[in-house]
Structure formats: structure tokens, C-alpha cells
PDB file of N, CA and C in Angstrom:
ATOM      1  N   UNK A   1      28.192 -15.601  -9.093  1.00  0.00           N
ATOM      2  CA  UNK A   1      27.704 -14.463  -8.139  1.00  0.00           C
ATOM      3  C   UNK A   1      28.217 -14.213  -7.277  1.00  0.00           C
ATOM      4  N   UNK A   2      28.722 -13.315  -6.929  1.00  0.00           N
ATOM      5  CA  UNK A   2      29.250 -12.926  -5.632  1.00  0.00           C
ATOM      6  C   UNK A   2      28.290 -12.971  -4.647  1.00  0.00           C
ATOM      7  N   UNK A   3      28.684 -12.747  -2.578  1.00  0.00           N
ATOM      8  CA  UNK A   3      27.704 -12.711  -1.923  1.00  0.00           C
ATOM      9  C   UNK A   3      27.036 -11.456  -1.943  1.00  0.00           C
ATOM     10  N   UNK A   4      27.482 -10.384  -2.650  1.00  0.00           N
ATOM     11  CA  UNK A   4      26.976  -8.893  -2.676  1.00  0.00           C
ATOM     12  C   UNK A   4      26.203  -8.571  -3.124  1.00  0.00           C
ATOM     13  N   UNK A   5      26.231  -9.536  -4.846  1.00  0.00           N
ATOM     14  CA  UNK A   5      25.116  -9.435  -5.868  1.00  0.00           C
ATOM     15  C   UNK A   5      23.903 -10.479  -5.302  1.00  0.00           C
ATOM     16  N   UNK A   6      23.999 -11.393  -4.824  1.00  0.00           N
ATOM     17  CA  UNK A   6      22.860 -12.188  -4.232  1.00  0.00           C
ATOM     18  C   UNK A   6      22.276 -10.945  -3.355  1.00  0.00           C
ATOM     19  N   UNK A   7      22.816 -10.841  -2.104  1.00  0.00           N
ATOM     20  CA  UNK A   7      22.030  -9.844  -1.420  1.00  0.00           C
ATOM     21  C   UNK A   7      21.335  -8.886  -1.833  1.00  0.00           C
ATOM     22  N   UNK A   8      21.808  -8.135  -3.267  1.00  0.00           N
ATOM     23  CA  UNK A   8      21.094  -6.891  -3.759  1.00  0.00           C
ATOM     24  C   UNK A   8      20.278  -7.428  -4.388  1.00  0.00           C
ATOM     25  N   UNK A   9      20.296  -9.038  -4.878  1.00  0.00           N
ATOM     26  CA  UNK A   9      18.795  -9.181  -5.781  1.00  0.00           C
ATOM     27  C   UNK A   9      18.353 -10.178  -4.747  1.00  0.00           C
ATOM     28  N   UNK A  10      18.323 -10.465  -3.822  1.00  0.00           N
ATOM     29  CA  UNK A  10      17.187 -10.666  -3.018  1.00  0.00           C
ATOM     30  C   UNK A  10      16.464  -9.852  -2.320  1.00  0.00           C
ATOM     31  N   UNK A  11      17.065  -8.405  -2.006  1.00  0.00           N
ATOM     32  CA  UNK A  11      16.571  -7.000  -1.776  1.00  0.00           C
ATOM     33  C   UNK A  11      15.820  -6.442  -3.197  1.00  0.00           C
ATOM     34  N   UNK A  12      16.164  -6.821  -4.098  1.00  0.00           N
ATOM     35  CA  UNK A  12      15.335  -6.631  -4.998  1.00  0.00           C
ATOM     36  C   UNK A  12      13.941  -7.263  -4.808  1.00  0.00           C
ATOM     37  N   UNK A  13      14.063  -8.385  -4.935  1.00  0.00           N
ATOM     38  CA  UNK A  13      12.835  -9.612  -5.209  1.00  0.00           C
ATOM     39  C   UNK A  13      12.097  -9.031  -3.699  1.00  0.00           C
ATOM     40  N   UNK A  14      12.583  -8.898  -2.797  1.00  0.00           N
ATOM     41  CA  UNK A  14      11.781  -8.445  -1.706  1.00  0.00           C
ATOM     42  C   UNK A  14      10.974  -7.174  -1.622  1.00  0.00           C
ATOM     43  N   UNK A  15      11.165  -6.227  -2.324  1.00  0.00           N
ATOM     44  CA  UNK A  15      10.881  -4.841  -2.243  1.00  0.00           C
ATOM     45  C   UNK A  15       9.874  -4.839  -3.343  1.00  0.00           C
ATOM     46  N   UNK A  16      10.007  -5.591  -4.798  1.00  0.00           N
ATOM     47  CA  UNK A  16       9.225  -5.747  -5.688  1.00  0.00           C
ATOM     48  C   UNK A  16       7.871  -6.653  -4.974  1.00  0.00           C
ATOM     49  N   UNK A  17       7.982  -7.889  -3.792  1.00  0.00           N
ATOM     50  CA  UNK A  17       7.059  -8.804  -3.558  1.00  0.00           C
ATOM     51  C   UNK A  17       6.055  -7.312  -2.575  1.00  0.00           C
ATOM     52  N   UNK A  18       6.986  -7.151  -1.900  1.00  0.00           N
ATOM     53  CA  UNK A  18       6.535  -5.719  -0.805  1.00  0.00           C
ATOM     54  C   UNK A  18       5.468  -5.068  -1.185  1.00  0.00           C
ATOM     55  N   UNK A  19       5.840  -4.606  -2.532  1.00  0.00           N
ATOM     56  CA  UNK A  19       4.917  -3.323  -3.198  1.00  0.00           C
ATOM     57  C   UNK A  19       3.888  -3.950  -4.062  1.00  0.00           C
ATOM     58  N   UNK A  20       3.832  -5.389  -4.644  1.00  0.00           N
ATOM     59  CA  UNK A  20       2.989  -6.009  -5.190  1.00  0.00           C
ATOM     60  C   UNK A  20       1.935  -6.279  -4.287  1.00  0.00           C
ATOM     61  N   UNK A  21       2.217  -6.692  -2.743  1.00  0.00           N
ATOM     62  CA  UNK A  21       1.482  -6.789  -1.908  1.00  0.00           C
ATOM     63  C   UNK A  21       1.053  -5.387  -1.277  1.00  0.00           C
ATOM     64  N   UNK A  22       1.230  -4.467  -1.506  1.00  0.00           N
ATOM     65  CA  UNK A  22       0.612  -3.382  -1.080  1.00  0.00           C
ATOM     66  C   UNK A  22      -0.691  -2.787  -2.021  1.00  0.00           C
ATOM     67  N   UNK A  23      -0.205  -3.042  -3.503  1.00  0.00           N
ATOM     68  CA  UNK A  23      -1.084  -2.719  -4.503  1.00  0.00           C
ATOM     69  C   UNK A  23      -1.948  -3.362  -4.191  1.00  0.00           C
ATOM     70  N   UNK A  24      -2.429  -4.866  -4.056  1.00  0.00           N
ATOM     71  CA  UNK A  24      -3.330  -5.609  -3.978  1.00  0.00           C
ATOM     72  C   UNK A  24      -4.042  -5.376  -2.784  1.00  0.00           C
ATOM     73  N   UNK A  25      -3.500  -5.191  -1.893  1.00  0.00           N
ATOM     74  CA  UNK A  25      -4.211  -4.824  -0.386  1.00  0.00           C
ATOM     75  C   UNK A  25      -4.603  -3.583  -0.915  1.00  0.00           C
ATOM     76  N   UNK A  26      -4.053  -2.406  -1.906  1.00  0.00           N
ATOM     77  CA  UNK A  26      -4.846  -1.155  -1.822  1.00  0.00           C
ATOM     78  C   UNK A  26      -5.969  -0.985  -2.665  1.00  0.00           C
ATOM     79  N   UNK A  27      -5.813  -2.181  -3.707  1.00  0.00           N
ATOM     80  CA  UNK A  27      -7.185  -1.804  -4.590  1.00  0.00           C
ATOM     81  C   UNK A  27      -8.276  -2.786  -3.773  1.00  0.00           C
ATOM     82  N   UNK A  28      -7.818  -3.671  -3.074  1.00  0.00           N
ATOM     83  CA  UNK A  28      -9.012  -4.491  -2.186  1.00  0.00           C
ATOM     84  C   UNK A  28      -9.483  -3.766  -0.648  1.00  0.00           C
ATOM     85  N   UNK A  29      -8.289  -2.561  -0.400  1.00  0.00           N
ATOM     86  CA  UNK A  29      -9.174  -1.803   1.132  1.00  0.00           C
ATOM     87  C   UNK A  29     -10.450  -0.927   0.654  1.00  0.00           C
ATOM     88  N   UNK A  30     -10.448  -0.546  -0.578  1.00  0.00           N
ATOM     89  CA  UNK A  30     -11.935   0.171  -0.859  1.00  0.00           C
ATOM     90  C   UNK A  30     -12.938  -0.390  -0.185  1.00  0.00           C
ATOM     91  N   UNK A  31     -13.318  -1.420  -1.323  1.00  0.00           N
ATOM     92  CA  UNK A  31     -14.468  -2.455  -1.081  1.00  0.00           C
ATOM     93  C   UNK A  31     -14.483  -3.152   0.439  1.00  0.00           C
ATOM     94  N   UNK A  32     -13.096  -3.056   1.250  1.00  0.00           N
ATOM     95  CA  UNK A  32     -13.454  -3.846   2.540  1.00  0.00           C
ATOM     96  C   UNK A  32     -13.924  -2.901   3.350  1.00  0.00           C
ATOM     97  N   UNK A  33     -13.555  -1.737   3.190  1.00  0.00           N
ATOM     98  CA  UNK A  33     -14.152  -0.309   4.214  1.00  0.00           C
ATOM     99  C   UNK A  33     -15.237  -0.362   4.000  1.00  0.00           C
ATOM    100  N   UNK A  34     -15.310  -0.329   2.374  1.00  0.00           N
ATOM    101  CA  UNK A  34     -16.767   0.378   2.351  1.00  0.00           C
ATOM    102  C   UNK A  34     -18.021  -0.913   2.523  1.00  0.00           C
ATOM    103  N   UNK A  35     -17.491  -2.257   2.869  1.00  0.00           N
ATOM    104  CA  UNK A  35     -18.617  -3.316   3.515  1.00  0.00           C
ATOM    105  C   UNK A  35     -18.638  -3.001   4.613  1.00  0.00           C
ATOM    106  N   UNK A  36     -18.215  -2.178   5.638  1.00  0.00           N
ATOM    107  CA  UNK A  36     -18.672  -2.077   7.007  1.00  0.00           C
ATOM    108  C   UNK A  36     -18.924  -0.459   6.986  1.00  0.00           C
ATOM    109  N   UNK A  37     -18.302   0.275   6.471  1.00  0.00           N
ATOM    110  CA  UNK A  37     -18.927   1.955   6.914  1.00  0.00           C
ATOM    111  C   UNK A  37     -19.770   2.264   5.844  1.00  0.00           C
ATOM    112  N   UNK A  38     -20.635   1.851   4.391  1.00  0.00           N
ATOM    113  CA  UNK A  38     -21.349   2.423   3.608  1.00  0.00           C
ATOM    114  C   UNK A  38     -22.655   2.502   3.898  1.00  0.00           C
ATOM    115  N   UNK A  39     -22.886   3.313   5.251  1.00  0.00           N
ATOM    116  CA  UNK A  39     -24.235   3.778   5.642  1.00  0.00           C
ATOM    117  C   UNK A  39     -24.232   4.989   5.557  1.00  0.00           C
ATOM    118  N   UNK A  40     -25.721   5.462   5.902  1.00  0.00           N
ATOM    119  CA  UNK A  40     -25.668   7.000   5.802  1.00  0.00           C
ATOM    120  C   UNK A  40     -24.612   7.620   6.304  1.00  0.00           C
ATOM    121  N   UNK A  41     -24.748   7.502   7.672  1.00  0.00           N
ATOM    122  CA  UNK A  41     -23.961   8.010   8.749  1.00  0.00           C
ATOM    123  C   UNK A  41     -22.384   8.061   8.891  1.00  0.00           C
ATOM    124  N   UNK A  42     -22.178   6.683   7.924  1.00  0.00           N
ATOM    125  CA  UNK A  42     -20.701   6.460   7.689  1.00  0.00           C
ATOM    126  C   UNK A  42     -20.151   6.809   6.480  1.00  0.00           C
ATOM    127  N   UNK A  43     -20.770   6.992   5.894  1.00  0.00           N
ATOM    128  CA  UNK A  43     -20.117   7.034   4.089  1.00  0.00           C
ATOM    129  C   UNK A  43     -19.180   8.006   3.803  1.00  0.00           C
ATOM    130  N   UNK A  44     -19.083   8.947   4.831  1.00  0.00           N
ATOM    131  CA  UNK A  44     -17.809   9.743   4.696  1.00  0.00           C
ATOM    132  C   UNK A  44     -16.444   9.421   5.366  1.00  0.00           C
ATOM    133  N   UNK A  45     -16.858   8.494   5.842  1.00  0.00           N
ATOM    134  CA  UNK A  45     -15.586   7.907   6.501  1.00  0.00           C
ATOM    135  C   UNK A  45     -14.816   7.084   5.443  1.00  0.00           C
ATOM    136  N   UNK A  46     -15.446   6.397   4.533  1.00  0.00           N
ATOM    137  CA  UNK A  46     -14.767   5.426   3.746  1.00  0.00           C
ATOM    138  C   UNK A  46     -13.454   5.797   3.440  1.00  0.00           C
ATOM    139  N   UNK A  47     -13.229   6.844   2.666  1.00  0.00           N
ATOM    140  CA  UNK A  47     -11.923   6.996   2.080  1.00  0.00           C
ATOM    141  C   UNK A  47     -10.797   7.479   3.054  1.00  0.00           C
ATOM    142  N   UNK A  48     -11.392   8.309   4.068  1.00  0.00           N
ATOM    143  CA  UNK A  48     -10.452   8.547   5.451  1.00  0.00           C
ATOM    144  C   UNK A  48      -9.841   7.316   6.111  1.00  0.00           C
ATOM    145  N   UNK A  49     -10.652   6.080   6.554  1.00  0.00           N
ATOM    146  CA  UNK A  49     -10.448   5.026   7.012  1.00  0.00           C
ATOM    147  C   UNK A  49     -10.040   3.898   6.149  1.00  0.00           C
ATOM    148  N   UNK A  50      -9.920   4.215   5.009  1.00  0.00           N
ATOM    149  CA  UNK A  50      -9.136   3.303   3.997  1.00  0.00           C
ATOM    150  C   UNK A  50      -7.786   3.939   3.593  1.00  0.00           C
ATOM    151  N   UNK A  51      -7.570   5.430   3.741  1.00  0.00           N
ATOM    152  CA  UNK A  51      -5.961   5.608   3.670  1.00  0.00           C
ATOM    153  C   UNK A  51      -5.318   5.595   4.985  1.00  0.00           C
ATOM    154  N   UNK A  52      -5.859   5.475   6.152  1.00  0.00           N
ATOM    155  CA  UNK A  52      -5.611   5.217   7.586  1.00  0.00           C
ATOM    156  C   UNK A  52      -4.945   3.708   7.457  1.00  0.00           C
ATOM    157  N   UNK A  53      -6.044   2.985   6.807  1.00  0.00           N
ATOM    158  CA  UNK A  53      -5.466   1.323   7.309  1.00  0.00           C
ATOM    159  C   UNK A  53      -4.354   1.073   6.283  1.00  0.00           C
ATOM    160  N   UNK A  54      -4.510   1.847   5.237  1.00  0.00           N
ATOM    161  CA  UNK A  54      -3.200   1.532   4.238  1.00  0.00           C
ATOM    162  C   UNK A  54      -2.246   2.089   4.872  1.00  0.00           C
ATOM    163  N   UNK A  55      -1.873   3.427   5.635  1.00  0.00           N
ATOM    164  CA  UNK A  55      -0.904   3.614   6.015  1.00  0.00           C
ATOM    165  C   UNK A  55      -0.113   3.240   7.244  1.00  0.00           C
ATOM    166  N   UNK A  56      -1.209   2.421   7.964  1.00  0.00           N
ATOM    167  CA  UNK A  56      -0.565   0.783   8.906  1.00  0.00           C
ATOM    168  C   UNK A  56      -0.563  -0.239   8.639  1.00  0.00           C
ATOM    169  N   UNK A  57      -1.096  -0.370   7.319  1.00  0.00           N
ATOM    170  CA  UNK A  57      -0.444  -1.781   7.110  1.00  0.00           C
ATOM    171  C   UNK A  57       0.653  -1.758   6.210  1.00  0.00           C
ATOM    172  N   UNK A  58       1.090  -0.192   5.595  1.00  0.00           N
ATOM    173  CA  UNK A  58       2.046  -0.138   4.757  1.00  0.00           C
ATOM    174  C   UNK A  58       3.354  -0.056   6.137  1.00  0.00           C
ATOM    175  N   UNK A  59       2.777   0.333   6.986  1.00  0.00           N
ATOM    176  CA  UNK A  59       3.822   0.856   8.092  1.00  0.00           C
ATOM    177  C   UNK A  59       4.193  -0.760   8.239  1.00  0.00           C
ATOM    178  N   UNK A  60       3.632  -1.573   8.525  1.00  0.00           N
ATOM    179  CA  UNK A  60       3.556  -3.265   9.273  1.00  0.00           C
ATOM    180  C   UNK A  60       4.610  -3.680   8.092  1.00  0.00           C
ATOM    181  N   UNK A  61       4.140  -3.832   6.608  1.00  0.00           N
ATOM    182  CA  UNK A  61       4.492  -3.709   5.900  1.00  0.00           C
ATOM    183  C   UNK A  61       6.087  -3.702   5.825  1.00  0.00           C
ATOM    184  N   UNK A  62       6.696  -2.434   5.980  1.00  0.00           N
ATOM    185  CA  UNK A  62       7.996  -1.719   6.069  1.00  0.00           C
ATOM    186  C   UNK A  62       8.918  -2.306   7.227  1.00  0.00           C
ATOM    187  N   UNK A  63       8.019  -2.419   7.796  1.00  0.00           N
ATOM    188  CA  UNK A  63       8.581  -2.987   9.130  1.00  0.00           C
ATOM    189  C   UNK A  63       8.920  -4.511   9.222  1.00  0.00           C
ATOM    190  N   UNK A  64       8.275  -5.184   8.386  1.00  0.00           N
ATOM    191  CA  UNK A  64       8.119  -6.563   8.462  1.00  0.00           C
ATOM    192  C   UNK A  64       9.322  -7.149   7.313  1.00  0.00           C
ATOM    193  N   UNK A  65       9.192  -6.239   6.046  1.00  0.00           N
ATOM    194  CA  UNK A  65      10.051  -6.150   4.574  1.00  0.00           C
ATOM    195  C   UNK A  65      11.373  -5.039   4.591  1.00  0.00           C
ATOM    196  N   UNK A  66      12.201  -4.919   5.669  1.00  0.00           N
ATOM    197  CA  UNK A  66      13.040  -3.538   5.566  1.00  0.00           C
ATOM    198  C   UNK A  66      13.460  -3.449   4.336  1.00  0.00           C
ATOM    199  N   UNK A  67      13.675  -4.041   3.572  1.00  0.00           N
ATOM    200  CA  UNK A  67      14.501  -3.999   2.204  1.00  0.00           C
ATOM    201  C   UNK A  67      13.489  -2.641   1.437  1.00  0.00           C
ATOM    202  N   UNK A  68      12.198  -2.878   1.319  1.00  0.00           N
ATOM    203  CA  UNK A  68      11.226  -1.995   0.778  1.00  0.00           C
ATOM    204  C   UNK A  68      11.954  -0.192   1.000  1.00  0.00           C
ATOM    205  N   UNK A  69      12.276  -0.051   2.015  1.00  0.00           N
ATOM    206  CA  UNK A  69      13.093   1.090   2.009  1.00  0.00           C
ATOM    207  C   UNK A  69      14.599   1.425   1.579  1.00  0.00           C
ATOM    208  N   UNK A  70      15.145   0.211   1.219  1.00  0.00           N
ATOM    209  CA  UNK A  70      16.140  -0.117   1.151  1.00  0.00           C
ATOM    210  C   UNK A  70      17.447  -0.547   1.904  1.00  0.00           C
ATOM    211  N   UNK A  71      18.513  -1.110   1.577  1.00  0.00           N
ATOM    212  CA  UNK A  71      18.981  -1.745   2.247  1.00  0.00           C
ATOM    213  C   UNK A  71      19.913  -0.826   3.395  1.00  0.00           C
ATOM    214  N   UNK A  72      19.995  -1.420   4.697  1.00  0.00           N
ATOM    215  CA  UNK A  72      20.423  -0.890   5.606  1.00  0.00           C
ATOM    216  C   UNK A  72      19.495   0.395   6.526  1.00  0.00           C
ATOM    217  N   UNK A  73      18.319   0.176   5.853  1.00  0.00           N
ATOM    218  CA  UNK A  73      17.371   1.349   6.438  1.00  0.00           C
ATOM    219  C   UNK A  73      17.222   1.169   7.577  1.00  0.00           C
ATOM    220  N   UNK A  74      16.948   1.716   8.848  1.00  0.00           N
ATOM    221  CA  UNK A  74      16.918   1.848  10.561  1.00  0.00           C
ATOM    222  C   UNK A  74      15.108   1.637  10.376  1.00  0.00           C
ATOM    223  N   UNK A  75      14.765   0.668  11.372  1.00  0.00           N
ATOM    224  CA  UNK A  75      13.630   0.342  11.528  1.00  0.00           C
ATOM    225  C   UNK A  75      12.353   1.649  11.365  1.00  0.00           C
ATOM    226  N   UNK A  76      12.829   2.323  11.711  1.00  0.00           N
ATOM    227  CA  UNK A  76      11.688   4.180  11.939  1.00  0.00           C
ATOM    228  C   UNK A  76      11.762   4.102  10.431  1.00  0.00           C
ATOM    229  N   UNK A  77      12.662   4.271   9.427  1.00  0.00           N
ATOM    230  CA  UNK A  77      12.826   4.843   8.117  1.00  0.00           C
ATOM    231  C   UNK A  77      11.856   3.604   7.163  1.00  0.00           C
ATOM    232  N   UNK A  78      12.238   2.304   7.543  1.00  0.00           N
ATOM    233  CA  UNK A  78      11.189   1.289   6.572  1.00  0.00           C
ATOM    234  C   UNK A  78       9.801   1.411   7.171  1.00  0.00           C
ATOM    235  N   UNK A  79       9.664   1.701   8.549  1.00  0.00           N
ATOM    236  CA  UNK A  79       8.172   2.024   9.059  1.00  0.00           C
ATOM    237  C   UNK A  79       7.521   3.016   7.914  1.00  0.00           C
ATOM    238  N   UNK A  80       8.513   4.399   8.020  1.00  0.00           N
ATOM    239  CA  UNK A  80       7.460   5.266   7.191  1.00  0.00           C
ATOM    240  C   UNK A  80       8.018   5.086   5.412  1.00  0.00           C
ATOM    241  N   UNK A  81       9.086   4.742   5.351  1.00  0.00           N
ATOM    242  CA  UNK A  81       8.493   4.074   3.780  1.00  0.00           C
ATOM    243  C   UNK A  81       7.734   3.298   3.182  1.00  0.00           C
ATOM    244  N   UNK A  82       7.180   2.158   4.754  1.00  0.00           N
ATOM    245  CA  UNK A  82       6.189   1.388   4.092  1.00  0.00           C
ATOM    246  C   UNK A  82       4.892   2.510   4.126  1.00  0.00           C
ATOM    247  N   UNK A  83       4.556   3.362   4.829  1.00  0.00           N
ATOM    248  CA  UNK A  83       3.550   3.978   4.857  1.00  0.00           C
ATOM    249  C   UNK A  83       3.222   4.665   4.208  1.00  0.00           C
ATOM    250  N   UNK A  84       3.903   5.202   3.728  1.00  0.00           N
ATOM    251  CA  UNK A  84       3.780   6.212   2.424  1.00  0.00           C
ATOM    252  C   UNK A  84       3.646   5.030   1.077  1.00  0.00           C
ATOM    253  N   UNK A  85       4.367   4.172   0.948  1.00  0.00           N
ATOM    254  CA  UNK A  85       3.974   3.173  -0.154  1.00  0.00           C
ATOM    255  C   UNK A  85       2.470   2.604   0.026  1.00  0.00           C
ATOM    256  N   UNK A  86       1.817   2.508   1.317  1.00  0.00           N
ATOM    257  CA  UNK A  86       0.570   1.898   2.046  1.00  0.00           C
ATOM    258  C   UNK A  86      -0.025   2.951   1.324  1.00  0.00           C
ATOM    259  N   UNK A  87      -0.135   4.422   1.599  1.00  0.00           N
ATOM    260  CA  UNK A  87      -1.022   5.221   0.868  1.00  0.00           C
ATOM    261  C   UNK A  87      -0.641   5.643  -0.676  1.00  0.00           C
ATOM    262  N   UNK A  88       0.042   5.065  -1.220  1.00  0.00           N
ATOM    263  CA  UNK A  88       0.500   5.432  -2.559  1.00  0.00           C
ATOM    264  C   UNK A  88      -0.567   4.454  -3.263  1.00  0.00           C
ATOM    265  N   UNK A  89      -0.480   3.153  -2.549  1.00  0.00           N
ATOM    266  CA  UNK A  89      -1.353   1.919  -3.071  1.00  0.00           C
ATOM    267  C   UNK A  89      -2.904   1.864  -2.921  1.00  0.00           C
ATOM    268  N   UNK A  90      -2.734   3.005  -1.770  1.00  0.00           N
ATOM    269  CA  UNK A  90      -4.256   3.084  -1.262  1.00  0.00           C
ATOM    270  C   UNK A  90      -5.011   3.918  -2.519  1.00  0.00           C
ATOM    271  N   UNK A  91      -4.244   4.817  -3.276  1.00  0.00           N
ATOM    272  CA  UNK A  91      -4.425   5.894  -4.096  1.00  0.00           C
ATOM    273  C   UNK A  91      -4.716   5.582  -5.295  1.00  0.00           C
ATOM    274  N   UNK A  92      -3.735   4.053  -5.695  1.00  0.00           N
ATOM    275  CA  UNK A  92      -3.805   3.714  -6.633  1.00  0.00           C
ATOM    276  C   UNK A  92      -5.511   2.806  -7.236  1.00  0.00           C
ATOM    277  N   UNK A  93      -5.554   2.307  -5.641  1.00  0.00           N
ATOM    278  CA  UNK A  93      -7.223   1.558  -5.491  1.00  0.00           C
ATOM    279  C   UNK A  93      -8.227   2.341  -5.903  1.00  0.00           C
ATOM    280  N   UNK A  94      -7.844   3.602  -5.256  1.00  0.00           N
ATOM    281  CA  UNK A  94      -9.070   4.596  -5.046  1.00  0.00           C
ATOM    282  C   UNK A  94      -9.357   5.186  -6.678  1.00  0.00           C
ATOM    283  N   UNK A  95      -8.150   5.394  -7.899  1.00  0.00           N
ATOM    284  CA  UNK A  95      -8.191   5.697  -8.783  1.00  0.00           C
ATOM    285  C   UNK A  95      -8.848   5.027 -10.123  1.00  0.00           C
ATOM    286  N   UNK A  96      -8.166   3.843  -9.707  1.00  0.00           N
ATOM    287  CA  UNK A  96      -8.978   2.682 -10.377  1.00  0.00           C
ATOM    288  C   UNK A  96     -10.249   2.367 -10.009  1.00  0.00           C
ATOM    289  N   UNK A  97     -10.707   2.470  -8.860  1.00  0.00           N
ATOM    290  CA  UNK A  97     -12.333   2.425  -8.744  1.00  0.00           C
ATOM    291  C   UNK A  97     -12.726   3.554  -9.067  1.00  0.00           C
ATOM    292  N   UNK A  98     -12.110   4.595  -9.720  1.00  0.00           N
ATOM    293  CA  UNK A  98     -13.157   6.106  -9.879  1.00  0.00           C
ATOM    294  C   UNK A  98     -12.919   5.403 -11.435  1.00  0.00           C
ATOM    295  N   UNK A  99     -12.084   5.075 -12.011  1.00  0.00           N
ATOM    296  CA  UNK A  99     -12.221   4.974 -13.723  1.00  0.00           C
ATOM    297  C   UNK A  99     -12.846   3.905 -13.934  1.00  0.00           C
ATOM    298  N   UNK A 100     -13.091   2.865 -13.244  1.00  0.00           N
ATOM    299  CA  UNK A 100     -13.900   1.626 -13.002  1.00  0.00           C
ATOM    300  C   UNK A 100     -15.085   2.434 -12.834  1.00  0.00           C
ATOM    301  N   UNK A 101     -16.100   3.228 -12.283  1.00  0.00           N
ATOM    302  CA  UNK A 101     -17.183   3.833 -11.913  1.00  0.00           C
ATOM    303  C   UNK A 101     -17.592   4.706 -13.364  1.00  0.00           C
ATOM    304  N   UNK A 102     -16.566   5.935 -13.548  1.00  0.00           N
ATOM    305  CA  UNK A 102     -16.899   6.568 -14.533  1.00  0.00           C
ATOM    306  C   UNK A 102     -16.133   6.334 -15.748  1.00  0.00           C
ATOM    307  N   UNK A 103     -16.026   5.188 -16.296  1.00  0.00           N
ATOM    308  CA  UNK A 103     -15.271   5.302 -17.367  1.00  0.00           C
ATOM    309  C   UNK A 103     -14.097   5.882 -17.805  1.00  0.00           C
ATOM    310  N   UNK A 104     -13.385   6.012 -18.686  1.00  0.00           N
ATOM    311  CA  UNK A 104     -12.054   6.565 -19.085  1.00  0.00           C
ATOM    312  C   UNK A 104     -12.104   8.212 -19.873  1.00  0.00           C
ATOM    313  N   UNK A 105     -13.941   8.602 -20.392  1.00  0.00           N
ATOM    314  CA  UNK A 105     -14.493   9.517 -20.439  1.00  0.00           C
ATOM    315  C   UNK A 105     -14.369  10.870 -19.591  1.00  0.00           C
ATOM    316  N   UNK A 106     -14.533  10.483 -18.184  1.00  0.00           N
ATOM    317  CA  UNK A 106     -14.506  11.471 -17.048  1.00  0.00           C
ATOM    318  C   UNK A 106     -15.999  11.541 -16.369  1.00  0.00           C
ATOM    319  N   UNK A 107     -15.858  12.022 -15.298  1.00  0.00           N
ATOM    320  CA  UNK A 107     -16.837  12.276 -14.436  1.00  0.00           C
ATOM    321  C   UNK A 107     -18.488  12.998 -14.985  1.00  0.00           C
TER     322      UNK A 107
END
């Protein structure tokens, strides 16, 4: 296996690992935020705070693992792609939570 093929394989492994980490954090972020904000005055802030938190975490993961944005991505692009991936992971977490609450038959 040539050096270039090893680099591409390494980028793919890093990208998959970053996505898995973001998905796990996206699923866990909703109950974590709700733990602190689930009161009468703050319950409407749970989802916006979760989305903002996951955008920040995603941007951080994107900066730490630039392979998430593709080989040769600039730091700004890596952070932007990471933020979008974090938001997507948060939405997966919200969807999973909704399905667990309401079941597959709907609300």
C-alpha cells in the first residue's frame, strides 16, 4: 500500500471516528442539557441550548479533526463543517428522543 493510500485510509478512519463521537454526544446532549434547564422558567431553552452546544462541540471536533471536512480543508472550513455535523448529530438525538417518547405510531 502506497503512502497516499495510507493517508486516505487514515483520513477515512478519522472522519468515521469524529462522526461517531458527534452522534454519541448528540444523543447524550439533550438529557444533559435538560438536567440543568428543565424547570418552569427554563424548559423552553433546552432545545436551543442543546443545538448551540452541539454546534460549538462540532466546531471544536472539526478543528481537532480536520479530516472531518476532507483532506486539505482550511481550519475555518473544518470548524464550519464540524459545526454542521454537530447540529446534524443534535437533530438525530432529538429525533431519537422523540421516537422513544411517542413510539413509532406518531404523536
